Amino acid sequence: MLPIIHQFFGTTLIIAGFIVLPLPLPFGLIMITLGCALLAPYVPAVQRLIRHMRGKWPNLDGALRRYRHRFPPVIKNTIDKTHPAE
């Protein structure tokens, strides 16, 4: 049941994030990021996107590795799955 809820709220956040993206405050980017974080454990296309972003921006990759120990297990597994060297 939890994966279905994650996928529903992740998709909703991404759609709402694209709707509010033109606003001057970065709420759209925050919503899209949270939506991707919710979808990443379950959707391979989102995993490929995150892997590409981590390969393109080493600072993002370093921050995810540095703070990995603070995340819940599902996010830790996603960080491991989306390592750019794999």
C-alpha atoms as a PDB file:
ATOM      1  CA  MET A   1       0.000   0.000   0.000  1.00  0.00           C
ATOM      2  CA  LEU A   2       2.846   2.405   0.813  1.00  0.00           C
ATOM      3  CA  PRO A   3       4.378   2.277  -2.709  1.00  0.00           C
ATOM      4  CA  ILE A   4       1.013   3.235  -4.197  1.00  0.00           C
ATOM      5  CA  ILE A   5       0.734   6.201  -1.827  1.00  0.00           C
ATOM      6  CA  HIS A   6       4.309   7.257  -2.615  1.00  0.00           C
ATOM      7  CA  GLN A   7       3.651   7.066  -6.337  1.00  0.00           C
ATOM      8  CA  PHE A   8       0.396   9.017  -6.058  1.00  0.00           C
ATOM      9  CA  PHE A   9       1.873  11.819  -3.971  1.00  0.00           C
ATOM     10  CA  GLY A  10       5.101  11.860  -6.003  1.00  0.00           C
ATOM     11  CA  THR A  11       3.194  12.261  -9.251  1.00  0.00           C
ATOM     12  CA  THR A  12       0.946  14.909  -7.700  1.00  0.00           C
ATOM     13  CA  LEU A  13       3.954  16.877  -6.426  1.00  0.00           C
ATOM     14  CA  ILE A  14       5.671  16.780  -9.822  1.00  0.00           C
ATOM     15  CA  ILE A  15       2.544  17.950 -11.662  1.00  0.00           C
ATOM     16  CA  ALA A  16       1.888  20.706  -9.127  1.00  0.00           C
ATOM     17  CA  GLY A  17       5.575  21.666  -9.242  1.00  0.00           C
ATOM     18  CA  PHE A  18       5.434  22.178 -13.001  1.00  0.00           C
ATOM     19  CA  ILE A  19       2.280  24.260 -12.598  1.00  0.00           C
ATOM     20  CA  VAL A  20       3.870  26.637 -10.049  1.00  0.00           C
ATOM     21  CA  LEU A  21       7.321  26.615 -11.669  1.00  0.00           C
ATOM     22  CA  PRO A  22       6.862  30.042 -13.348  1.00  0.00           C
ATOM     23  CA  LEU A  23       6.312  31.738  -9.979  1.00  0.00           C
ATOM     24  CA  PRO A  24       9.179  33.895  -8.720  1.00  0.00           C
ATOM     25  CA  LEU A  25       9.787  31.757  -5.619  1.00  0.00           C
ATOM     26  CA  PRO A  26      11.394  28.326  -6.160  1.00  0.00           C
ATOM     27  CA  PHE A  27       8.470  26.333  -4.759  1.00  0.00           C
ATOM     28  CA  GLY A  28       8.088  24.513  -8.065  1.00  0.00           C
ATOM     29  CA  LEU A  29      11.638  23.177  -7.951  1.00  0.00           C
ATOM     30  CA  ILE A  30      11.205  22.064  -4.362  1.00  0.00           C
ATOM     31  CA  MET A  31       7.971  20.261  -5.211  1.00  0.00           C
ATOM     32  CA  ILE A  32       9.521  18.556  -8.251  1.00  0.00           C
ATOM     33  CA  THR A  33      12.513  17.448  -6.162  1.00  0.00           C
ATOM     34  CA  LEU A  34      10.294  15.982  -3.460  1.00  0.00           C
ATOM     35  CA  GLY A  35       8.152  14.245  -6.077  1.00  0.00           C
ATOM     36  CA  CYS A  36      11.224  12.680  -7.674  1.00  0.00           C
ATOM     37  CA  ALA A  37      12.434  11.540  -4.252  1.00  0.00           C
ATOM     38  CA  LEU A  38       9.109   9.793  -3.665  1.00  0.00           C
ATOM     39  CA  LEU A  39       9.028   8.185  -7.124  1.00  0.00           C
ATOM     40  CA  ALA A  40      12.682   7.160  -7.387  1.00  0.00           C
ATOM     41  CA  PRO A  41      12.469   3.863  -5.454  1.00  0.00           C
ATOM     42  CA  TYR A  42       9.682   2.595  -7.719  1.00  0.00           C
ATOM     43  CA  VAL A  43      10.151   4.127 -11.201  1.00  0.00           C
ATOM     44  CA  PRO A  44      13.269   3.170 -13.223  1.00  0.00           C
ATOM     45  CA  ALA A  45      12.966   6.259 -15.451  1.00  0.00           C
ATOM     46  CA  VAL A  46      13.286   8.527 -12.406  1.00  0.00           C
ATOM     47  CA  GLN A  47      16.276   6.478 -11.246  1.00  0.00           C
ATOM     48  CA  ARG A  48      17.965   7.049 -14.625  1.00  0.00           C
ATOM     49  CA  LEU A  49      17.235  10.781 -14.378  1.00  0.00           C
ATOM     50  CA  ILE A  50      18.774  10.982 -10.911  1.00  0.00           C
ATOM     51  CA  ARG A  51      21.784   8.924 -12.034  1.00  0.00           C
ATOM     52  CA  HIS A  52      22.289  11.330 -14.952  1.00  0.00           C
ATOM     53  CA  MET A  53      21.983  14.378 -12.674  1.00  0.00           C
ATOM     54  CA  ARG A  54      24.467  12.921 -10.179  1.00  0.00           C
ATOM     55  CA  GLY A  55      26.945  12.258 -12.969  1.00  0.00           C
ATOM     56  CA  LYS A  56      26.527  15.735 -14.404  1.00  0.00           C
ATOM     57  CA  TRP A  57      26.734  17.605 -11.069  1.00  0.00           C
ATOM     58  CA  PRO A  58      29.416  16.138  -8.779  1.00  0.00           C
ATOM     59  CA  ASN A  59      28.422  18.493  -5.943  1.00  0.00           C
ATOM     60  CA  LEU A  60      24.954  16.928  -5.863  1.00  0.00           C
ATOM     61  CA  ASP A  61      26.486  13.470  -5.820  1.00  0.00           C
ATOM     62  CA  GLY A  62      28.852  14.435  -3.001  1.00  0.00           C
ATOM     63  CA  ALA A  63      26.031  15.911  -0.921  1.00  0.00           C
ATOM     64  CA  LEU A  64      23.889  12.797  -1.341  1.00  0.00           C
ATOM     65  CA  ARG A  65      26.776  10.566  -0.291  1.00  0.00           C
ATOM     66  CA  ARG A  66      27.741  12.843   2.600  1.00  0.00           C
ATOM     67  CA  TYR A  67      24.211  12.947   4.088  1.00  0.00           C
ATOM     68  CA  ARG A  68      23.172   9.403   3.163  1.00  0.00           C
ATOM     69  CA  HIS A  69      23.288   8.240   6.792  1.00  0.00           C
ATOM     70  CA  ARG A  70      20.563  10.736   7.768  1.00  0.00           C
ATOM     71  CA  PHE A  71      17.909   9.415   5.378  1.00  0.00           C
ATOM     72  CA  PRO A  72      15.387   6.601   5.922  1.00  0.00           C
ATOM     73  CA  PRO A  73      16.252   3.161   4.473  1.00  0.00           C
ATOM     74  CA  VAL A  74      14.152   3.578   1.308  1.00  0.00           C
ATOM     75  CA  ILE A  75      16.056   6.763   0.373  1.00  0.00           C
ATOM     76  CA  LYS A  76      19.409   5.145   1.277  1.00  0.00           C
ATOM     77  CA  ASN A  77      18.629   2.301  -1.143  1.00  0.00           C
ATOM     78  CA  THR A  78      17.700   4.814  -3.828  1.00  0.00           C
ATOM     79  CA  ILE A  79      20.949   6.720  -3.316  1.00  0.00           C
ATOM     80  CA  ASP A  80      22.839   3.425  -3.682  1.00  0.00           C
ATOM     81  CA  LYS A  81      20.863   2.425  -6.801  1.00  0.00           C
ATOM     82  CA  THR A  82      21.406   5.771  -8.521  1.00  0.00           C
ATOM     83  CA  HIS A  83      25.161   6.021  -8.054  1.00  0.00           C
ATOM     84  CA  PRO A  84      26.528   7.359 -11.357  1.00  0.00           C
ATOM     85  CA  ALA A  85      29.380   4.825 -11.604  1.00  0.00           C
ATOM     86  CA  GLU A  86      26.958   1.893 -11.871  1.00  0.00           C
END
